[in-house]
Protein backbone atom coordinates (compact mmCIF):
# COMPACT_ATOMS: atom_id res chain seq x y z
CA MET A 1 -0.31 0.10 -0.66
CA ALA A 2 1.49 3.04 -1.44
CA VAL A 3 1.20 6.38 -2.60
CA ILE A 4 4.38 7.39 -4.61
CA LYS A 5 4.94 10.51 -6.73
CA ASN A 6 5.98 8.97 -11.05
CA ASN A 7 8.42 11.23 -11.36
CA LYS A 8 7.98 11.44 -15.92
CA THR A 9 4.31 12.07 -15.62
CA GLY A 10 4.55 14.89 -11.93
CA MET A 11 1.16 12.69 -11.41
CA TRP A 12 0.70 10.51 -7.99
CA GLU A 13 -0.33 7.09 -7.77
CA VAL A 14 -1.89 4.02 -5.53
CA ARG A 15 -0.53 0.60 -5.33
CA THR A 16 -1.97 -1.41 -3.04
CA TYR A 17 -2.77 -5.40 -2.78
CA HIS A 18 -6.10 -7.34 -2.18
CA LYS A 19 -7.95 -10.34 -1.88
CA ASP A 20 -10.11 -11.37 -4.69
CA LEU A 21 -12.83 -13.86 -4.60
CA THR A 22 -11.19 -16.87 -4.68
CA GLY A 23 -9.47 -16.01 -1.81
CA GLU A 24 -6.36 -14.62 -3.99
CA ARG A 25 -3.68 -11.41 -3.45
CA LYS A 26 -3.62 -9.15 -6.33
CA GLN A 27 -2.03 -5.51 -7.21
CA LYS A 28 -4.25 -2.59 -7.60
CA THR A 29 -2.98 0.37 -9.25
CA LYS A 30 -4.50 3.36 -9.60
CA ARG A 31 -2.63 6.50 -11.67
CA GLY A 32 -3.17 9.79 -12.78
CA PHE A 33 -3.76 12.02 -9.06
CA ALA A 34 -2.83 16.03 -9.09
CA LYS A 35 -2.71 15.90 -5.42
CA LYS A 36 -1.51 13.21 -3.46
CA SER A 37 -4.51 13.71 -1.08
CA GLU A 38 -6.90 12.68 -3.08
CA ALA A 39 -4.75 9.44 -4.80
CA LEU A 40 -4.95 8.93 -0.24
CA GLU A 41 -8.65 9.20 -0.58
CA TRP A 42 -9.25 7.12 -3.41
CA GLU A 43 -6.64 4.05 -1.42
CA ARG A 44 -9.30 5.05 1.53
CA ASN A 45 -11.66 4.35 0.04
CA PHE A 46 -11.10 1.51 -1.74
CA LYS A 47 -10.10 -0.06 1.45
CA LEU A 48 -13.32 0.71 2.55
CA LYS A 49 -15.13 -0.82 -0.18
CA GLU A 50 -12.60 -3.93 0.10
CA ALA A 51 -13.04 -4.74 3.62
CA GLN A 52 -17.38 -3.75 2.89
CA SER A 53 -17.05 -1.36 6.28
CA ILE A 54 -19.83 -0.22 7.06
CA SER A 55 -18.41 3.04 7.83
CA MET A 56 -17.11 3.65 3.47
CA SER A 57 -19.21 6.15 2.14
CA PHE A 58 -22.70 5.54 1.05
CA LYS A 59 -21.70 6.83 -2.94
CA SER A 60 -19.17 3.90 -2.24
CA PHE A 61 -21.69 1.62 -1.48
CA VAL A 62 -23.41 2.45 -3.60
CA ASP A 63 -21.06 1.62 -6.53
CA ILE A 64 -20.46 -2.02 -5.33
CA TYR A 65 -24.29 -2.15 -4.95
CA LEU A 66 -24.83 -0.80 -9.31
CA THR A 67 -21.82 -3.13 -10.20
CA ASP A 68 -23.51 -6.04 -8.47
CA LEU A 69 -27.51 -5.73 -9.80
CA GLU A 70 -26.08 -4.96 -13.94
CA PRO A 71 -25.79 -7.81 -14.77
CA ARG A 72 -28.85 -9.59 -12.94
CA ILE A 73 -31.30 -7.24 -14.17
CA LYS A 74 -31.82 -5.44 -17.32
CA ARG A 75 -30.33 -3.05 -19.32
CA ASN A 76 -33.19 0.41 -19.30
CA THR A 77 -34.57 -1.31 -15.54
CA PHE A 78 -30.66 -0.77 -14.75
CA LEU A 79 -30.35 3.11 -16.30
CA THR A 80 -33.29 3.22 -14.84
CA LYS A 81 -31.93 2.90 -10.98
CA LYS A 82 -28.73 4.05 -11.95
CA HIS A 83 -30.70 7.09 -12.75
CA ILE A 84 -32.86 7.96 -10.13
CA ILE A 85 -30.45 6.83 -7.63
CA GLU A 86 -27.37 9.64 -8.75
CA THR A 87 -29.98 12.53 -9.30
CA LYS A 88 -32.11 11.78 -6.19
CA ILE A 89 -30.18 9.77 -3.67
CA LEU A 90 -26.90 10.92 -3.85
CA PRO A 91 -27.32 14.63 -3.93
CA TYR A 92 -28.41 13.29 -0.31
CA PHE A 93 -26.51 10.56 0.70
CA GLY A 94 -23.62 10.44 -1.18
CA LYS A 95 -21.21 11.96 0.92
CA ARG A 96 -22.54 10.46 4.63
CA LYS A 97 -21.12 7.29 5.82
CA LEU A 98 -23.58 4.23 6.04
CA ASP A 99 -23.52 4.09 9.76
CA ASP A 100 -24.32 8.35 9.80
CA ILE A 101 -27.66 7.77 7.63
CA ARG A 102 -30.77 7.95 10.13
CA THR A 103 -34.19 6.62 10.13
CA SER A 104 -34.89 10.51 10.30
CA ASP A 105 -32.92 11.72 8.07
CA VAL A 106 -34.50 9.67 5.15
CA ILE A 107 -38.14 10.85 6.73
CA GLN A 108 -35.67 14.98 6.13
CA TRP A 109 -34.44 13.55 2.77
CA GLN A 110 -38.46 12.34 2.06
CA ASN A 111 -40.20 15.81 2.80
CA GLU A 112 -37.35 17.21 0.15
CA ILE A 113 -38.15 14.64 -2.27
CA MET A 114 -42.10 15.50 -2.12
CA LYS A 115 -41.31 19.54 -2.03
CA LEU A 116 -39.07 18.53 -5.64
CA LYS A 117 -41.21 19.75 -8.82
CA LYS A 118 -40.91 18.57 -12.66
CA ASP A 119 -39.61 20.79 -15.32
CA ASN A 120 -43.12 22.35 -15.85
CA GLY A 121 -43.63 22.70 -12.30
CA GLU A 122 -45.78 20.13 -11.48
CA LEU A 123 -45.30 17.87 -8.39
CA PHE A 124 -44.14 14.92 -8.79
CA SER A 125 -46.76 11.98 -8.36
CA PRO A 126 -47.10 10.12 -5.46
CA THR A 127 -46.33 6.41 -8.36
CA TYR A 128 -42.60 8.14 -8.95
CA LEU A 129 -42.12 9.40 -5.51
CA LYS A 130 -42.45 6.35 -3.87
CA THR A 131 -40.30 4.39 -6.78
CA ILE A 132 -37.71 6.79 -6.29
CA HIS A 133 -37.99 5.78 -1.90
CA ASN A 134 -38.05 2.05 -3.10
CA GLN A 135 -34.74 2.76 -4.92
CA LEU A 136 -33.17 3.78 -1.71
CA ARG A 137 -34.86 0.89 -0.07
CA SER A 138 -33.58 -2.14 -2.32
CA ASN A 139 -30.04 -0.63 -1.55
CA HIS A 140 -30.74 -2.48 1.30
CA ILE A 141 -29.83 0.49 3.91
CA TYR A 142 -33.37 1.57 5.02
CA SER A 143 -36.46 -0.05 5.09
CA LEU A 144 -38.91 1.41 6.26
């Protein structure tokens, strides 16, 4: 697990090890970070994802969820789910850690979503609001 500066390019890179599904040790290299702090942040998030820790960010969890989900459902269904998650859920919960999200936060989010309007100024239908809520529930974070 190293964060090093590539002298040729002037960019930072991360080299870390993880175990794959078979338990085999693999090296992961990620290049192209402008700042050392960006490389360290990526390394930290990668380790949290690999450890499947509840202290990972909601965005990291969603990335894992979408990666696992994509091959199991139809393409258009996947794109619809991804759009709802990226536009209606991640702006509120994306940077928060999983273990920091409380029921009261979800209720506040629901209240905010109910205030959203379409391009023509109309409120979203109750059916669409339920669809949005179901996407949050399908991530198994919150089940109300």
